[in-house]
């Protein structure tokens, strides 16, 4: 039976925040992948307003040509010719 050899992904999720939501840090998210032995990832959470955040998780190297829901916090890999920003 064949096995999955490589898995490339980019996941971006908008989160509504209130007092019941645990505020994740970038390190919390990254540690989750490290704990399962998947080190070729990058992740971060951008709390772009008092009631909203966007979490981004993606495999490295970054190979995608379409990005949605990114903010100014999205890291530059020196491969983008333009940036798209989420409006708050």
PDB file of N, CA and C in Angstrom:
ATOM      1  N   UNK A   1       0.835  -1.166   0.000  1.00  0.00           N
ATOM      2  CA  UNK A   1       0.000   0.000   0.000  1.00  0.00           C
ATOM      3  C   UNK A   1       0.891   1.243   0.000  1.00  0.00           C
ATOM      4  N   UNK A   2       0.590   2.205  -0.843  1.00  0.00           N
ATOM      5  CA  UNK A   2       1.399   3.417  -0.913  1.00  0.00           C
ATOM      6  C   UNK A   2       1.112   4.324   0.285  1.00  0.00           C
ATOM      7  N   UNK A   3       2.123   5.110   0.643  1.00  0.00           N
ATOM      8  CA  UNK A   3       2.007   6.015   1.769  1.00  0.00           C
ATOM      9  C   UNK A   3       2.215   7.445   1.305  1.00  0.00           C
ATOM     10  N   UNK A   4       1.617   8.367   2.011  1.00  0.00           N
ATOM     11  CA  UNK A   4       1.801   9.779   1.730  1.00  0.00           C
ATOM     12  C   UNK A   4       3.234  10.149   2.069  1.00  0.00           C
ATOM     13  N   UNK A   5       3.969  10.638   1.062  1.00  0.00           N
ATOM     14  CA  UNK A   5       5.373  10.965   1.248  1.00  0.00           C
ATOM     15  C   UNK A   5       5.569  12.435   1.580  1.00  0.00           C
ATOM     16  N   UNK A   6       4.706  13.296   1.053  1.00  0.00           N
ATOM     17  CA  UNK A   6       4.870  14.728   1.221  1.00  0.00           C
ATOM     18  C   UNK A   6       3.489  15.372   1.352  1.00  0.00           C
ATOM     19  N   UNK A   7       3.366  16.332   2.248  1.00  0.00           N
ATOM     20  CA  UNK A   7       2.093  17.015   2.448  1.00  0.00           C
ATOM     21  C   UNK A   7       2.356  18.510   2.553  1.00  0.00           C
ATOM     22  N   UNK A   8       1.941  19.257   1.541  1.00  0.00           N
ATOM     23  CA  UNK A   8       2.099  20.707   1.531  1.00  0.00           C
ATOM     24  C   UNK A   8       0.757  21.342   1.860  1.00  0.00           C
ATOM     25  N   UNK A   9       0.770  22.339   2.753  1.00  0.00           N
ATOM     26  CA  UNK A   9      -0.493  22.936   3.153  1.00  0.00           C
ATOM     27  C   UNK A   9      -0.325  24.399   3.532  1.00  0.00           C
ATOM     28  N   UNK A  10      -1.417  25.121   3.407  1.00  0.00           N
ATOM     29  CA  UNK A  10      -1.528  26.497   3.868  1.00  0.00           C
ATOM     30  C   UNK A  10      -2.938  26.642   4.430  1.00  0.00           C
ATOM     31  N   UNK A  11      -3.047  26.894   5.712  1.00  0.00           N
ATOM     32  CA  UNK A  11      -4.344  27.005   6.377  1.00  0.00           C
ATOM     33  C   UNK A  11      -4.416  28.371   7.043  1.00  0.00           C
ATOM     34  N   UNK A  12      -5.452  29.115   6.721  1.00  0.00           N
ATOM     35  CA  UNK A  12      -5.667  30.422   7.323  1.00  0.00           C
ATOM     36  C   UNK A  12      -7.077  30.448   7.894  1.00  0.00           C
ATOM     37  N   UNK A  13      -7.197  30.800   9.166  1.00  0.00           N
ATOM     38  CA  UNK A  13      -8.486  30.756   9.846  1.00  0.00           C
ATOM     39  C   UNK A  13      -8.742  32.062  10.573  1.00  0.00           C
ATOM     40  N   UNK A  14      -9.924  32.627  10.361  1.00  0.00           N
ATOM     41  CA  UNK A  14     -10.319  33.828  11.087  1.00  0.00           C
ATOM     42  C   UNK A  14     -11.007  33.408  12.377  1.00  0.00           C
ATOM     43  N   UNK A  15     -10.625  34.046  13.484  1.00  0.00           N
ATOM     44  CA  UNK A  15     -11.126  33.687  14.805  1.00  0.00           C
ATOM     45  C   UNK A  15     -11.791  34.905  15.432  1.00  0.00           C
ATOM     46  N   UNK A  16     -13.022  34.745  15.882  1.00  0.00           N
ATOM     47  CA  UNK A  16     -13.679  35.789  16.660  1.00  0.00           C
ATOM     48  C   UNK A  16     -13.294  35.597  18.119  1.00  0.00           C
ATOM     49  N   UNK A  17     -12.922  36.680  18.764  1.00  0.00           N
ATOM     50  CA  UNK A  17     -12.383  36.598  20.110  1.00  0.00           C
ATOM     51  C   UNK A  17     -13.362  37.207  21.110  1.00  0.00           C
ATOM     52  N   UNK A  18     -13.538  36.522  22.213  1.00  0.00           N
ATOM     53  CA  UNK A  18     -14.214  37.083  23.377  1.00  0.00           C
ATOM     54  C   UNK A  18     -13.484  36.567  24.617  1.00  0.00           C
ATOM     55  N   UNK A  19     -14.020  36.808  25.771  1.00  0.00           N
ATOM     56  CA  UNK A  19     -13.329  36.416  27.005  1.00  0.00           C
ATOM     57  C   UNK A  19     -13.168  34.916  27.171  1.00  0.00           C
ATOM     58  N   UNK A  20     -13.968  34.117  26.439  1.00  0.00           N
ATOM     59  CA  UNK A  20     -13.894  32.662  26.594  1.00  0.00           C
ATOM     60  C   UNK A  20     -12.844  32.017  25.691  1.00  0.00           C
ATOM     61  N   UNK A  21     -12.224  32.787  24.813  1.00  0.00           N
ATOM     62  CA  UNK A  21     -11.253  32.241  23.856  1.00  0.00           C
ATOM     63  C   UNK A  21      -9.849  32.337  24.434  1.00  0.00           C
ATOM     64  N   UNK A  22      -9.148  31.213  24.430  1.00  0.00           N
ATOM     65  CA  UNK A  22      -7.757  31.173  24.864  1.00  0.00           C
ATOM     66  C   UNK A  22      -6.886  31.829  23.804  1.00  0.00           C
ATOM     67  N   UNK A  23      -6.050  32.773  24.192  1.00  0.00           N
ATOM     68  CA  UNK A  23      -5.192  33.475  23.240  1.00  0.00           C
ATOM     69  C   UNK A  23      -3.932  32.658  22.983  1.00  0.00           C
ATOM     70  N   UNK A  24      -3.851  32.078  21.804  1.00  0.00           N
ATOM     71  CA  UNK A  24      -2.674  31.302  21.419  1.00  0.00           C
ATOM     72  C   UNK A  24      -1.513  32.222  21.093  1.00  0.00           C
ATOM     73  N   UNK A  25      -0.331  31.751  21.340  1.00  0.00           N
ATOM     74  CA  UNK A  25       0.861  32.464  20.887  1.00  0.00           C
ATOM     75  C   UNK A  25       1.420  31.729  19.674  1.00  0.00           C
ATOM     76  N   UNK A  26       2.304  32.402  18.966  1.00  0.00           N
ATOM     77  CA  UNK A  26       2.969  31.759  17.830  1.00  0.00           C
ATOM     78  C   UNK A  26       3.703  30.500  18.288  1.00  0.00           C
ATOM     79  N   UNK A  27       4.317  30.574  19.456  1.00  0.00           N
ATOM     80  CA  UNK A  27       5.062  29.424  19.990  1.00  0.00           C
ATOM     81  C   UNK A  27       4.148  28.254  20.327  1.00  0.00           C
ATOM     82  N   UNK A  28       2.937  28.540  20.840  1.00  0.00           N
ATOM     83  CA  UNK A  28       1.977  27.463  21.121  1.00  0.00           C
ATOM     84  C   UNK A  28       1.694  26.657  19.866  1.00  0.00           C
ATOM     85  N   UNK A  29       1.425  27.357  18.774  1.00  0.00           N
ATOM     86  CA  UNK A  29       1.084  26.678  17.524  1.00  0.00           C
ATOM     87  C   UNK A  29       2.271  25.893  16.983  1.00  0.00           C
ATOM     88  N   UNK A  30       3.447  26.515  16.980  1.00  0.00           N
ATOM     89  CA  UNK A  30       4.632  25.845  16.442  1.00  0.00           C
ATOM     90  C   UNK A  30       4.982  24.613  17.259  1.00  0.00           C
ATOM     91  N   UNK A  31       4.835  24.700  18.574  1.00  0.00           N
ATOM     92  CA  UNK A  31       5.167  23.578  19.445  1.00  0.00           C
ATOM     93  C   UNK A  31       4.288  22.361  19.159  1.00  0.00           C
ATOM     94  N   UNK A  32       3.038  22.602  18.763  1.00  0.00           N
ATOM     95  CA  UNK A  32       2.146  21.493  18.422  1.00  0.00           C
ATOM     96  C   UNK A  32       2.729  20.653  17.294  1.00  0.00           C
ATOM     97  N   UNK A  33       3.243  21.301  16.258  1.00  0.00           N
ATOM     98  CA  UNK A  33       3.850  20.567  15.141  1.00  0.00           C
ATOM     99  C   UNK A  33       5.162  19.908  15.561  1.00  0.00           C
ATOM    100  N   UNK A  34       5.956  20.606  16.342  1.00  0.00           N
ATOM    101  CA  UNK A  34       7.221  20.030  16.803  1.00  0.00           C
ATOM    102  C   UNK A  34       6.980  18.786  17.654  1.00  0.00           C
ATOM    103  N   UNK A  35       5.929  18.810  18.469  1.00  0.00           N
ATOM    104  CA  UNK A  35       5.626  17.665  19.329  1.00  0.00           C
ATOM    105  C   UNK A  35       5.298  16.400  18.545  1.00  0.00           C
ATOM    106  N   UNK A  36       4.745  16.547  17.352  1.00  0.00           N
ATOM    107  CA  UNK A  36       4.425  15.366  16.540  1.00  0.00           C
ATOM    108  C   UNK A  36       5.515  15.064  15.522  1.00  0.00           C
ATOM    109  N   UNK A  37       6.639  15.800  15.599  1.00  0.00           N
ATOM    110  CA  UNK A  37       7.771  15.512  14.731  1.00  0.00           C
ATOM    111  C   UNK A  37       7.695  16.140  13.352  1.00  0.00           C
ATOM    112  N   UNK A  38       6.825  17.121  13.175  1.00  0.00           N
ATOM    113  CA  UNK A  38       6.720  17.791  11.870  1.00  0.00           C
ATOM    114  C   UNK A  38       7.319  19.183  12.018  1.00  0.00           C
ATOM    115  N   UNK A  39       8.591  19.323  11.641  1.00  0.00           N
ATOM    116  CA  UNK A  39       9.344  20.546  11.890  1.00  0.00           C
ATOM    117  C   UNK A  39       9.309  21.527  10.725  1.00  0.00           C
ATOM    118  N   UNK A  40       8.920  21.085   9.548  1.00  0.00           N
ATOM    119  CA  UNK A  40       8.958  21.948   8.371  1.00  0.00           C
ATOM    120  C   UNK A  40       7.660  22.733   8.238  1.00  0.00           C
ATOM    121  N   UNK A  41       7.359  23.530   9.261  1.00  0.00           N
ATOM    122  CA  UNK A  41       6.159  24.362   9.270  1.00  0.00           C
ATOM    123  C   UNK A  41       6.491  25.736   9.813  1.00  0.00           C
ATOM    124  N   UNK A  42       5.613  26.656   9.529  1.00  0.00           N
ATOM    125  CA  UNK A  42       5.654  27.968  10.150  1.00  0.00           C
ATOM    126  C   UNK A  42       4.228  28.307  10.522  1.00  0.00           C
ATOM    127  N   UNK A  43       4.066  29.014  11.615  1.00  0.00           N
ATOM    128  CA  UNK A  43       2.723  29.364  12.050  1.00  0.00           C
ATOM    129  C   UNK A  43       2.766  30.630  12.880  1.00  0.00           C
ATOM    130  N   UNK A  44       1.683  31.366  12.854  1.00  0.00           N
ATOM    131  CA  UNK A  44       1.566  32.556  13.676  1.00  0.00           C
ATOM    132  C   UNK A  44       0.111  32.958  13.806  1.00  0.00           C
ATOM    133  N   UNK A  45      -0.170  33.731  14.840  1.00  0.00           N
ATOM    134  CA  UNK A  45      -1.498  34.286  15.071  1.00  0.00           C
ATOM    135  C   UNK A  45      -1.362  35.795  15.072  1.00  0.00           C
ATOM    136  N   UNK A  46      -2.230  36.459  14.336  1.00  0.00           N
ATOM    137  CA  UNK A  46      -2.230  37.916  14.311  1.00  0.00           C
ATOM    138  C   UNK A  46      -3.539  38.416  14.917  1.00  0.00           C
ATOM    139  N   UNK A  47      -3.446  39.016  16.098  1.00  0.00           N
ATOM    140  CA  UNK A  47      -4.606  39.629  16.742  1.00  0.00           C
ATOM    141  C   UNK A  47      -4.724  41.042  16.184  1.00  0.00           C
ATOM    142  N   UNK A  48      -5.383  41.172  15.030  1.00  0.00           N
ATOM    143  CA  UNK A  48      -5.400  42.436  14.318  1.00  0.00           C
ATOM    144  C   UNK A  48      -6.453  43.407  14.827  1.00  0.00           C
ATOM    145  N   UNK A  49      -7.301  42.994  15.715  1.00  0.00           N
ATOM    146  CA  UNK A  49      -8.225  43.901  16.404  1.00  0.00           C
ATOM    147  C   UNK A  49      -8.555  43.289  17.754  1.00  0.00           C
ATOM    148  N   UNK A  50      -9.287  44.010  18.572  1.00  0.00           N
ATOM    149  CA  UNK A  50      -9.592  43.499  19.906  1.00  0.00           C
ATOM    150  C   UNK A  50     -10.572  42.332  19.878  1.00  0.00           C
ATOM    151  N   UNK A  51     -11.259  42.136  18.741  1.00  0.00           N
ATOM    152  CA  UNK A  51     -12.248  41.053  18.675  1.00  0.00           C
ATOM    153  C   UNK A  51     -11.996  40.037  17.561  1.00  0.00           C
ATOM    154  N   UNK A  52     -10.887  40.156  16.844  1.00  0.00           N
ATOM    155  CA  UNK A  52     -10.605  39.253  15.730  1.00  0.00           C
ATOM    156  C   UNK A  52      -9.126  38.891  15.649  1.00  0.00           C
ATOM    157  N   UNK A  53      -8.890  37.690  15.176  1.00  0.00           N
ATOM    158  CA  UNK A  53      -7.521  37.233  14.924  1.00  0.00           C
ATOM    159  C   UNK A  53      -7.534  36.344  13.689  1.00  0.00           C
ATOM    160  N   UNK A  54      -6.377  36.206  13.080  1.00  0.00           N
ATOM    161  CA  UNK A  54      -6.207  35.280  11.964  1.00  0.00           C
ATOM    162  C   UNK A  54      -5.032  34.385  12.305  1.00  0.00           C
ATOM    163  N   UNK A  55      -5.251  33.077  12.230  1.00  0.00           N
ATOM    164  CA  UNK A  55      -4.141  32.148  12.436  1.00  0.00           C
ATOM    165  C   UNK A  55      -3.733  31.594  11.083  1.00  0.00           C
ATOM    166  N   UNK A  56      -2.446  31.482  10.880  1.00  0.00           N
ATOM    167  CA  UNK A  56      -1.888  30.950   9.644  1.00  0.00           C
ATOM    168  C   UNK A  56      -0.916  29.836   9.978  1.00  0.00           C
ATOM    169  N   UNK A  57      -1.052  28.737   9.279  1.00  0.00           N
ATOM    170  CA  UNK A  57      -0.156  27.596   9.429  1.00  0.00           C
ATOM    171  C   UNK A  57       0.181  27.124   8.023  1.00  0.00           C
ATOM    172  N   UNK A  58       1.454  26.890   7.740  1.00  0.00           N
ATOM    173  CA  UNK A  58       1.816  26.436   6.402  1.00  0.00           C
ATOM    174  C   UNK A  58       3.090  25.614   6.440  1.00  0.00           C
ATOM    175  N   UNK A  59       3.204  24.770   5.435  1.00  0.00           N
ATOM    176  CA  UNK A  59       4.396  23.935   5.304  1.00  0.00           C
ATOM    177  C   UNK A  59       5.514  24.746   4.653  1.00  0.00           C
ATOM    178  N   UNK A  60       6.733  24.339   4.940  1.00  0.00           N
ATOM    179  CA  UNK A  60       7.913  24.971   4.368  1.00  0.00           C
ATOM    180  C   UNK A  60       8.648  23.973   3.490  1.00  0.00           C
ATOM    181  N   UNK A  61       9.220  24.374   2.383  1.00  0.00           N
ATOM    182  CA  UNK A  61       9.206  25.733   1.866  1.00  0.00           C
ATOM    183  C   UNK A  61       7.809  26.124   1.382  1.00  0.00           C
ATOM    184  N   UNK A  62       7.522  27.421   1.453  1.00  0.00           N
ATOM    185  CA  UNK A  62       6.226  27.934   1.043  1.00  0.00           C
ATOM    186  C   UNK A  62       6.149  27.882  -0.478  1.00  0.00           C
ATOM    187  N   UNK A  63       5.157  27.174  -1.027  1.00  0.00           N
ATOM    188  CA  UNK A  63       5.105  26.954  -2.481  1.00  0.00           C
ATOM    189  C   UNK A  63       3.831  27.472  -3.136  1.00  0.00           C
ATOM    190  N   UNK A  64       2.971  28.120  -2.381  1.00  0.00           N
ATOM    191  CA  UNK A  64       1.659  28.491  -2.910  1.00  0.00           C
ATOM    192  C   UNK A  64       1.708  29.837  -3.622  1.00  0.00           C
ATOM    193  N   UNK A  65       0.802  30.007  -4.587  1.00  0.00           N
ATOM    194  CA  UNK A  65       0.797  31.245  -5.346  1.00  0.00           C
ATOM    195  C   UNK A  65      -0.441  32.092  -5.089  1.00  0.00           C
ATOM    196  N   UNK A  66      -1.282  31.679  -4.168  1.00  0.00           N
ATOM    197  CA  UNK A  66      -2.462  32.455  -3.805  1.00  0.00           C
ATOM    198  C   UNK A  66      -2.573  32.493  -2.280  1.00  0.00           C
ATOM    199  N   UNK A  67      -2.737  33.695  -1.753  1.00  0.00           N
ATOM    200  CA  UNK A  67      -2.840  33.878  -0.312  1.00  0.00           C
ATOM    201  C   UNK A  67      -4.126  34.637  -0.002  1.00  0.00           C
ATOM    202  N   UNK A  68      -4.794  34.222   1.037  1.00  0.00           N
ATOM    203  CA  UNK A  68      -5.992  34.924   1.477  1.00  0.00           C
ATOM    204  C   UNK A  68      -5.892  35.183   2.965  1.00  0.00           C
ATOM    205  N   UNK A  69      -6.559  36.231   3.406  1.00  0.00           N
ATOM    206  CA  UNK A  69      -6.634  36.599   4.825  1.00  0.00           C
ATOM    207  C   UNK A  69      -5.254  36.745   5.466  1.00  0.00           C
ATOM    208  N   UNK A  70      -4.358  37.466   4.810  1.00  0.00           N
ATOM    209  CA  UNK A  70      -3.069  37.735   5.434  1.00  0.00           C
ATOM    210  C   UNK A  70      -3.058  39.185   5.913  1.00  0.00           C
ATOM    211  N   UNK A  71      -2.234  39.458   6.866  1.00  0.00           N
ATOM    212  CA  UNK A  71      -2.102  40.795   7.415  1.00  0.00           C
ATOM    213  C   UNK A  71      -0.639  41.223   7.315  1.00  0.00           C
ATOM    214  N   UNK A  72      -0.331  42.359   7.883  1.00  0.00           N
ATOM    215  CA  UNK A  72       1.044  42.859   7.844  1.00  0.00           C
ATOM    216  C   UNK A  72       2.021  41.953   8.579  1.00  0.00           C
ATOM    217  N   UNK A  73       1.510  41.089   9.440  1.00  0.00           N
ATOM    218  CA  UNK A  73       2.387  40.205  10.204  1.00  0.00           C
ATOM    219  C   UNK A  73       2.880  38.998   9.388  1.00  0.00           C
ATOM    220  N   UNK A  74       2.275  38.739   8.234  1.00  0.00           N
ATOM    221  CA  UNK A  74       2.689  37.592   7.422  1.00  0.00           C
ATOM    222  C   UNK A  74       4.154  37.755   7.056  1.00  0.00           C
ATOM    223  N   UNK A  75       4.979  36.721   7.289  1.00  0.00           N
ATOM    224  CA  UNK A  75       6.424  36.861   7.053  1.00  0.00           C
ATOM    225  C   UNK A  75       6.750  37.013   5.577  1.00  0.00           C
ATOM    226  N   UNK A  76       7.771  37.774   5.312  1.00  0.00           N
ATOM    227  CA  UNK A  76       8.254  37.949   3.944  1.00  0.00           C
ATOM    228  C   UNK A  76       9.311  36.890   3.668  1.00  0.00           C
ATOM    229  N   UNK A  77       9.126  36.171   2.579  1.00  0.00           N
ATOM    230  CA  UNK A  77      10.107  35.170   2.164  1.00  0.00           C
ATOM    231  C   UNK A  77      10.908  35.659   0.971  1.00  0.00           C
ATOM    232  N   UNK A  78      10.782  36.970   0.688  1.00  0.00           N
ATOM    233  CA  UNK A  78      11.457  37.577  -0.468  1.00  0.00           C
ATOM    234  C   UNK A  78      11.035  36.929  -1.781  1.00  0.00           C
ATOM    235  N   UNK A  79       9.774  36.474  -1.846  1.00  0.00           N
ATOM    236  CA  UNK A  79       9.294  35.881  -3.091  1.00  0.00           C
ATOM    237  C   UNK A  79       8.036  36.566  -3.590  1.00  0.00           C
ATOM    238  N   UNK A  80       7.499  37.501  -2.816  1.00  0.00           N
ATOM    239  CA  UNK A  80       6.252  38.142  -3.199  1.00  0.00           C
ATOM    240  C   UNK A  80       6.536  39.466  -3.893  1.00  0.00           C
ATOM    241  N   UNK A  81       5.808  39.734  -4.970  1.00  0.00           N
ATOM    242  CA  UNK A  81       5.958  41.017  -5.633  1.00  0.00           C
ATOM    243  C   UNK A  81       4.935  42.022  -5.133  1.00  0.00           C
ATOM    244  N   UNK A  82       3.864  41.537  -4.469  1.00  0.00           N
ATOM    245  CA  UNK A  82       2.890  42.444  -3.870  1.00  0.00           C
ATOM    246  C   UNK A  82       2.301  41.767  -2.651  1.00  0.00           C
ATOM    247  N   UNK A  83       1.749  42.565  -1.760  1.00  0.00           N
ATOM    248  CA  UNK A  83       1.131  42.055  -0.554  1.00  0.00           C
ATOM    249  C   UNK A  83      -0.352  42.381  -0.562  1.00  0.00           C
ATOM    250  N   UNK A  84      -1.148  41.489  -0.035  1.00  0.00           N
ATOM    251  CA  UNK A  84      -2.560  41.729   0.159  1.00  0.00           C
ATOM    252  C   UNK A  84      -2.791  41.792   1.662  1.00  0.00           C
ATOM    253  N   UNK A  85      -3.521  42.788   2.108  1.00  0.00           N
ATOM    254  CA  UNK A  85      -3.735  42.953   3.541  1.00  0.00           C
ATOM    255  C   UNK A  85      -5.203  42.851   3.872  1.00  0.00           C
ATOM    256  N   UNK A  86      -5.494  42.204   4.960  1.00  0.00           N
ATOM    257  CA  UNK A  86      -6.877  42.136   5.451  1.00  0.00           C
ATOM    258  C   UNK A  86      -7.212  43.501   6.043  1.00  0.00           C
ATOM    259  N   UNK A  87      -8.393  43.973   5.745  1.00  0.00           N
ATOM    260  CA  UNK A  87      -8.809  45.242   6.333  1.00  0.00           C
ATOM    261  C   UNK A  87      -9.471  44.990   7.667  1.00  0.00           C
ATOM    262  N   UNK A  88      -9.262  45.884   8.583  1.00  0.00           N
ATOM    263  CA  UNK A  88      -9.849  45.695   9.903  1.00  0.00           C
ATOM    264  C   UNK A  88     -11.036  46.601  10.118  1.00  0.00           C
TER     265      UNK A  88
END
